[in-house]
């Protein structure tokens, strides 16, 4: 991969790492379900009037929008609203890699290699360490919701595997549009219109900037560049850069919001990232093995 493209991959990791901060800022001014609904509405309208739907079955696009966007981000936003700080949130979401492997083993019969299982055990020991330190800044409910969000990301990855040779920006836009109706319905039922009206009357410039960052920088630019890289290089060459996301997330949260980086958080981070690294090494070894027929 050329150096400019390496910098692009690092840029995406930084964008997604900082995104957790902007989610936190947004949640201080708008409720999680309304934030999710508004995010995907702005991400898709008016773009859908100018960009054609991707050349894929519409039901697959809808499933992609429901799992990769509506479910994942509503659970993520609710988890952070329930008491999961942005730094830890950025770390816990990386467990989606192992949920992807688990679901692929069940649905696609892709049995993980022993080294991948070892990597998963190392990472989940880091998750268990997080589970031993629930307090006011990291609640049990927030932890459960974050794990659910990571699981839905894993399911979304299975759906993405069915999509190839399509316009990925169009997929992001139309997947966002597919997420809108259920998100608006759920927000109306569980949070009500009064919550949205209250937020509209108390919205500050920081809230506006945060929502715009989440929509255009994290969703459009982040996913757009990432999908562009994936279309040109192997997954094994691109995916390792996601290891940088929690690094940007945790240290930016510590610098900007004052989130404490206790020793147990650093150890948990090393365990999770170490397990992910083992998994990536295992994936590279598997791709080098000759296929047997």
Protein backbone atom coordinates (compact mmCIF):
# COMPACT_ATOMS: atom_id res chain seq x y z
CA UNK A 1 0.00 0.00 0.00
CA UNK A 2 1.50 3.39 -0.99
CA UNK A 3 2.32 5.85 1.78
CA UNK A 4 -0.50 8.31 0.82
CA UNK A 5 -3.03 5.47 1.13
CA UNK A 6 -1.55 4.44 4.49
CA UNK A 7 -2.13 7.99 5.68
CA UNK A 8 -5.72 7.76 4.42
CA UNK A 9 -6.27 4.60 6.48
CA UNK A 10 -4.79 6.30 9.55
CA UNK A 11 -7.03 9.32 8.87
CA UNK A 12 -10.13 7.10 8.91
CA UNK A 13 -9.03 5.54 12.22
CA UNK A 14 -8.59 9.04 13.67
CA UNK A 15 -12.00 10.15 12.33
CA UNK A 16 -13.74 7.16 13.91
CA UNK A 17 -11.78 7.51 17.15
CA UNK A 18 -12.70 11.19 17.54
CA UNK A 19 -16.28 10.36 16.56
CA UNK A 20 -16.96 8.96 20.04
CA UNK A 21 -16.23 12.39 21.50
CA UNK A 22 -18.71 14.07 19.16
CA UNK A 23 -21.32 11.43 20.02
CA UNK A 24 -20.83 12.30 23.69
CA UNK A 25 -21.24 16.02 22.95
CA UNK A 26 -24.37 15.36 20.87
CA UNK A 27 -25.93 13.20 23.58
CA UNK A 28 -25.64 16.10 26.02
CA UNK A 29 -28.18 17.97 23.88
CA UNK A 30 -30.35 15.34 22.19
CA UNK A 31 -31.67 11.94 23.23
CA UNK A 32 -29.98 8.83 21.74
CA UNK A 33 -32.84 7.53 19.57
CA UNK A 34 -33.63 10.96 18.11
CA UNK A 35 -29.91 11.51 17.49
CA UNK A 36 -29.75 8.23 15.58
CA UNK A 37 -32.85 9.04 13.51
CA UNK A 38 -31.65 12.55 12.65
CA UNK A 39 -28.17 11.29 11.81
CA UNK A 40 -29.39 8.92 9.12
CA UNK A 41 -31.99 11.34 7.79
CA UNK A 42 -29.34 14.01 7.20
CA UNK A 43 -26.94 11.38 5.81
CA UNK A 44 -29.47 10.29 3.18
CA UNK A 45 -31.59 13.36 2.35
CA UNK A 46 -31.24 15.06 -0.11
CA UNK A 47 -28.43 12.77 -1.37
CA UNK A 48 -30.87 10.02 -2.43
CA UNK A 49 -32.31 12.39 -5.05
CA UNK A 50 -28.92 12.67 -6.74
CA UNK A 51 -27.29 9.26 -6.22
CA UNK A 52 -28.79 6.11 -7.67
CA UNK A 53 -29.39 3.07 -5.42
CA UNK A 54 -26.53 0.53 -5.47
CA UNK A 55 -26.87 -2.39 -7.87
CA UNK A 56 -27.91 -4.88 -5.20
CA UNK A 57 -31.23 -6.46 -4.14
CA UNK A 58 -33.21 -3.83 -2.23
CA UNK A 59 -33.93 -6.22 0.65
CA UNK A 60 -30.16 -6.61 1.21
CA UNK A 61 -29.78 -2.83 1.30
CA UNK A 62 -32.61 -2.64 3.85
CA UNK A 63 -31.02 -5.37 6.00
CA UNK A 64 -27.68 -3.55 5.78
CA UNK A 65 -29.33 -0.32 6.90
CA UNK A 66 -31.16 -2.01 9.78
CA UNK A 67 -28.21 -3.92 11.22
CA UNK A 68 -25.17 -1.84 10.28
CA UNK A 69 -26.83 1.51 10.96
CA UNK A 70 -30.15 1.52 12.84
CA UNK A 71 -29.47 -1.23 15.38
CA UNK A 72 -25.73 -0.72 15.81
CA UNK A 73 -25.80 3.03 16.34
CA UNK A 74 -29.00 3.20 18.38
CA UNK A 75 -27.46 0.67 20.79
CA UNK A 76 -24.15 2.54 20.73
CA UNK A 77 -25.80 5.89 21.45
CA UNK A 78 -27.97 4.40 24.21
CA UNK A 79 -24.90 2.70 25.71
CA UNK A 80 -23.00 5.96 25.88
CA UNK A 81 -26.07 7.77 27.17
CA UNK A 82 -26.43 5.07 29.87
CA UNK A 83 -22.95 5.73 31.20
CA UNK A 84 -20.23 4.39 28.91
CA UNK A 85 -17.45 6.98 28.45
CA UNK A 86 -16.22 7.62 24.88
CA UNK A 87 -12.74 6.19 25.41
CA UNK A 88 -13.98 2.84 26.70
CA UNK A 89 -16.76 2.83 24.08
CA UNK A 90 -14.18 3.09 21.29
CA UNK A 91 -12.33 0.12 22.78
CA UNK A 92 -15.34 -2.13 23.39
CA UNK A 93 -16.71 -1.64 19.88
CA UNK A 94 -13.63 -3.35 18.42
CA UNK A 95 -14.96 -6.65 19.77
CA UNK A 96 -17.15 -6.63 16.64
CA UNK A 97 -14.25 -8.47 14.95
CA UNK A 98 -14.83 -11.53 17.10
CA UNK A 99 -18.60 -11.33 16.84
CA UNK A 100 -18.08 -11.35 13.06
CA UNK A 101 -15.95 -14.50 13.33
CA UNK A 102 -18.51 -16.13 15.64
CA UNK A 103 -21.48 -15.40 13.36
CA UNK A 104 -19.50 -16.43 10.27
CA UNK A 105 -18.77 -19.79 11.93
CA UNK A 106 -22.48 -20.34 12.61
CA UNK A 107 -24.00 -18.96 9.40
CA UNK A 108 -21.25 -19.40 6.80
CA UNK A 109 -19.54 -22.43 8.41
CA UNK A 110 -16.22 -20.54 8.42
CA UNK A 111 -14.52 -22.32 11.30
CA UNK A 112 -11.95 -20.10 13.04
CA UNK A 113 -8.34 -21.27 13.30
CA UNK A 114 -6.93 -22.14 16.76
CA UNK A 115 -4.85 -18.94 16.71
CA UNK A 116 -8.00 -16.90 16.10
CA UNK A 117 -9.68 -18.56 19.08
CA UNK A 118 -6.64 -17.72 21.24
CA UNK A 119 -6.86 -14.10 20.04
CA UNK A 120 -10.54 -13.98 20.96
CA UNK A 121 -9.82 -15.32 24.46
CA UNK A 122 -7.07 -12.71 24.99
CA UNK A 123 -9.36 -9.88 23.86
CA UNK A 124 -12.30 -11.05 25.93
CA UNK A 125 -10.06 -11.20 29.00
CA UNK A 126 -9.65 -7.46 28.45
CA UNK A 127 -13.43 -7.09 28.19
CA UNK A 128 -13.80 -9.07 31.41
CA UNK A 129 -11.38 -6.65 33.08
CA UNK A 130 -13.65 -3.78 32.05
CA UNK A 131 -16.55 -5.70 33.54
CA UNK A 132 -14.80 -5.78 36.92
CA UNK A 133 -14.63 -1.98 37.11
CA UNK A 134 -18.18 -0.71 36.76
CA UNK A 135 -18.71 2.62 38.45
CA UNK A 136 -20.52 5.88 37.78
CA UNK A 137 -18.50 6.46 34.61
CA UNK A 138 -18.89 2.94 33.21
CA UNK A 139 -22.21 1.31 34.09
CA UNK A 140 -23.36 -2.27 33.65
CA UNK A 141 -26.24 -1.18 31.40
CA UNK A 142 -23.87 0.85 29.25
CA UNK A 143 -21.55 -2.16 28.96
CA UNK A 144 -24.39 -4.50 27.92
CA UNK A 145 -25.62 -2.05 25.28
CA UNK A 146 -22.09 -1.62 23.89
CA UNK A 147 -21.69 -5.38 23.57
CA UNK A 148 -25.05 -5.56 21.78
CA UNK A 149 -23.91 -2.77 19.43
CA UNK A 150 -20.70 -4.66 18.64
CA UNK A 151 -22.73 -7.82 17.99
CA UNK A 152 -25.03 -6.05 15.51
CA UNK A 153 -21.93 -4.65 13.76
CA UNK A 154 -20.76 -8.25 13.42
CA UNK A 155 -24.10 -9.24 11.87
CA UNK A 156 -23.88 -6.23 9.57
CA UNK A 157 -20.49 -7.46 8.37
CA UNK A 158 -22.09 -10.75 7.26
CA UNK A 159 -24.60 -8.78 5.20
CA UNK A 160 -21.81 -6.67 3.71
CA UNK A 161 -20.09 -9.86 2.52
CA UNK A 162 -23.05 -10.43 0.21
CA UNK A 163 -22.41 -7.07 -1.47
CA UNK A 164 -19.62 -6.69 -4.01
CA UNK A 165 -18.80 -4.57 -7.05
CA UNK A 166 -21.22 -1.82 -6.05
CA UNK A 167 -20.97 1.90 -5.34
CA UNK A 168 -20.14 1.90 -1.62
CA UNK A 169 -21.04 5.57 -1.14
CA UNK A 170 -24.46 4.78 -2.61
CA UNK A 171 -24.73 1.86 -0.17
CA UNK A 172 -23.99 4.16 2.78
CA UNK A 173 -26.54 6.74 1.60
CA UNK A 174 -29.34 4.30 0.77
CA UNK A 175 -28.56 2.15 3.81
CA UNK A 176 -28.92 5.32 5.91
CA UNK A 177 -32.24 6.04 4.20
CA UNK A 178 -33.45 2.50 4.98
CA UNK A 179 -32.60 3.09 8.64
CA UNK A 180 -34.71 6.27 8.84
CA UNK A 181 -38.33 4.93 9.04
CA UNK A 182 -37.72 2.42 11.86
CA UNK A 183 -35.55 4.89 13.79
CA UNK A 184 -38.14 7.69 13.60
CA UNK A 185 -40.87 5.25 14.63
CA UNK A 186 -38.88 3.94 17.60
CA UNK A 187 -37.89 7.47 18.66
CA UNK A 188 -41.51 8.63 18.53
CA UNK A 189 -42.71 5.66 20.57
CA UNK A 190 -40.02 5.57 23.27
CA UNK A 191 -38.83 9.18 23.50
CA UNK A 192 -41.79 11.12 22.09
CA UNK A 193 -41.96 14.36 20.10
CA UNK A 194 -41.62 16.53 23.22
CA UNK A 195 -38.05 15.32 23.68
CA UNK A 196 -37.15 16.42 20.17
CA UNK A 197 -38.87 19.80 20.60
CA UNK A 198 -37.02 20.40 23.86
CA UNK A 199 -33.69 19.54 22.22
CA UNK A 200 -34.42 21.86 19.29
CA UNK A 201 -35.00 24.77 21.67
CA UNK A 202 -31.80 24.10 23.62
CA UNK A 203 -29.45 23.16 20.79
CA UNK A 204 -26.06 24.93 20.89
CA UNK A 205 -23.37 25.43 18.28
CA UNK A 206 -21.44 22.50 19.81
CA UNK A 207 -24.45 20.24 19.26
CA UNK A 208 -24.78 21.36 15.64
CA UNK A 209 -21.06 20.85 14.94
CA UNK A 210 -21.15 17.44 16.64
CA UNK A 211 -24.11 16.20 14.59
CA UNK A 212 -22.53 17.48 11.36
CA UNK A 213 -19.28 15.69 12.25
CA UNK A 214 -21.13 12.43 12.95
CA UNK A 215 -23.03 12.66 9.65
CA UNK A 216 -20.56 14.03 7.13
CA UNK A 217 -17.11 13.32 8.56
CA UNK A 218 -17.68 9.99 10.29
CA UNK A 219 -20.38 8.54 8.02
CA UNK A 220 -19.72 9.98 4.58
CA UNK A 221 -15.97 10.64 4.65
CA UNK A 222 -15.06 7.79 7.01
CA UNK A 223 -17.05 5.03 5.32
CA UNK A 224 -16.36 6.49 1.87
CA UNK A 225 -12.56 6.40 2.25
CA UNK A 226 -12.68 3.05 4.04
CA UNK A 227 -14.76 1.39 1.32
CA UNK A 228 -12.48 2.95 -1.32
CA UNK A 229 -9.45 1.35 0.35
CA UNK A 230 -11.22 -2.01 0.71
CA UNK A 231 -12.08 -1.95 -3.01
CA UNK A 232 -8.36 -1.64 -3.88
CA UNK A 233 -6.57 -3.72 -1.25
CA UNK A 234 -7.12 -6.96 0.59
CA UNK A 235 -9.07 -6.98 3.84
CA UNK A 236 -5.92 -8.18 5.63
CA UNK A 237 -4.07 -5.07 4.43
CA UNK A 238 -6.75 -2.58 5.49
CA UNK A 239 -8.51 -3.97 8.59
CA UNK A 240 -5.44 -3.78 10.91
CA UNK A 241 -5.74 0.00 10.86
CA UNK A 242 -8.92 -0.30 12.98
CA UNK A 243 -6.57 -1.10 15.86
CA UNK A 244 -5.80 2.62 15.91
CA UNK A 245 -9.45 3.62 16.52
CA UNK A 246 -9.47 2.99 20.32
CA UNK A 247 -6.03 4.59 20.62
CA UNK A 248 -7.36 7.82 19.11
CA UNK A 249 -10.62 7.40 21.04
CA UNK A 250 -9.14 6.80 24.48
CA UNK A 251 -6.40 9.43 24.34
CA UNK A 252 -8.60 12.12 22.78
CA UNK A 253 -11.22 11.48 25.49
CA UNK A 254 -8.53 11.79 28.16
CA UNK A 255 -7.20 15.05 26.70
CA UNK A 256 -10.50 16.77 25.87
CA UNK A 257 -13.06 15.46 28.37
CA UNK A 258 -10.69 14.49 31.18
CA UNK A 259 -11.64 10.80 31.06
CA UNK A 260 -9.25 9.08 33.45
CA UNK A 261 -6.81 6.57 31.97
CA UNK A 262 -6.45 4.29 34.98
CA UNK A 263 -3.97 1.42 34.81
CA UNK A 264 -6.76 -1.14 34.43
CA UNK A 265 -8.04 0.69 31.33
CA UNK A 266 -4.59 0.60 29.77
CA UNK A 267 -4.21 -3.10 30.59
CA UNK A 268 -7.69 -3.84 29.18
CA UNK A 269 -6.80 -1.90 26.05
CA UNK A 270 -3.56 -3.84 25.61
CA UNK A 271 -5.40 -7.15 26.02
CA UNK A 272 -8.14 -6.26 23.53
CA UNK A 273 -5.71 -4.87 20.96
CA UNK A 274 -3.31 -7.75 21.58
CA UNK A 275 -6.05 -10.27 20.89
CA UNK A 276 -7.05 -8.41 17.74
CA UNK A 277 -3.42 -8.43 16.60
CA UNK A 278 -3.23 -12.20 17.11
CA UNK A 279 -6.42 -12.55 15.09
CA UNK A 280 -4.98 -10.46 12.24
CA UNK A 281 -1.79 -12.55 12.21
CA UNK A 282 -3.91 -15.71 12.07
CA UNK A 283 -5.94 -14.28 9.17
CA UNK A 284 -2.74 -13.50 7.25
CA UNK A 285 -1.43 -17.03 7.82
CA UNK A 286 -4.70 -18.50 6.61
CA UNK A 287 -4.65 -16.46 3.39
CA UNK A 288 -1.13 -17.73 2.65
CA UNK A 289 -2.14 -21.37 2.95
CA UNK A 290 -2.77 -23.09 -0.39
CA UNK A 291 -6.33 -24.19 -0.90
CA UNK A 292 -6.99 -27.92 -0.94
CA UNK A 293 -9.65 -29.41 -3.18
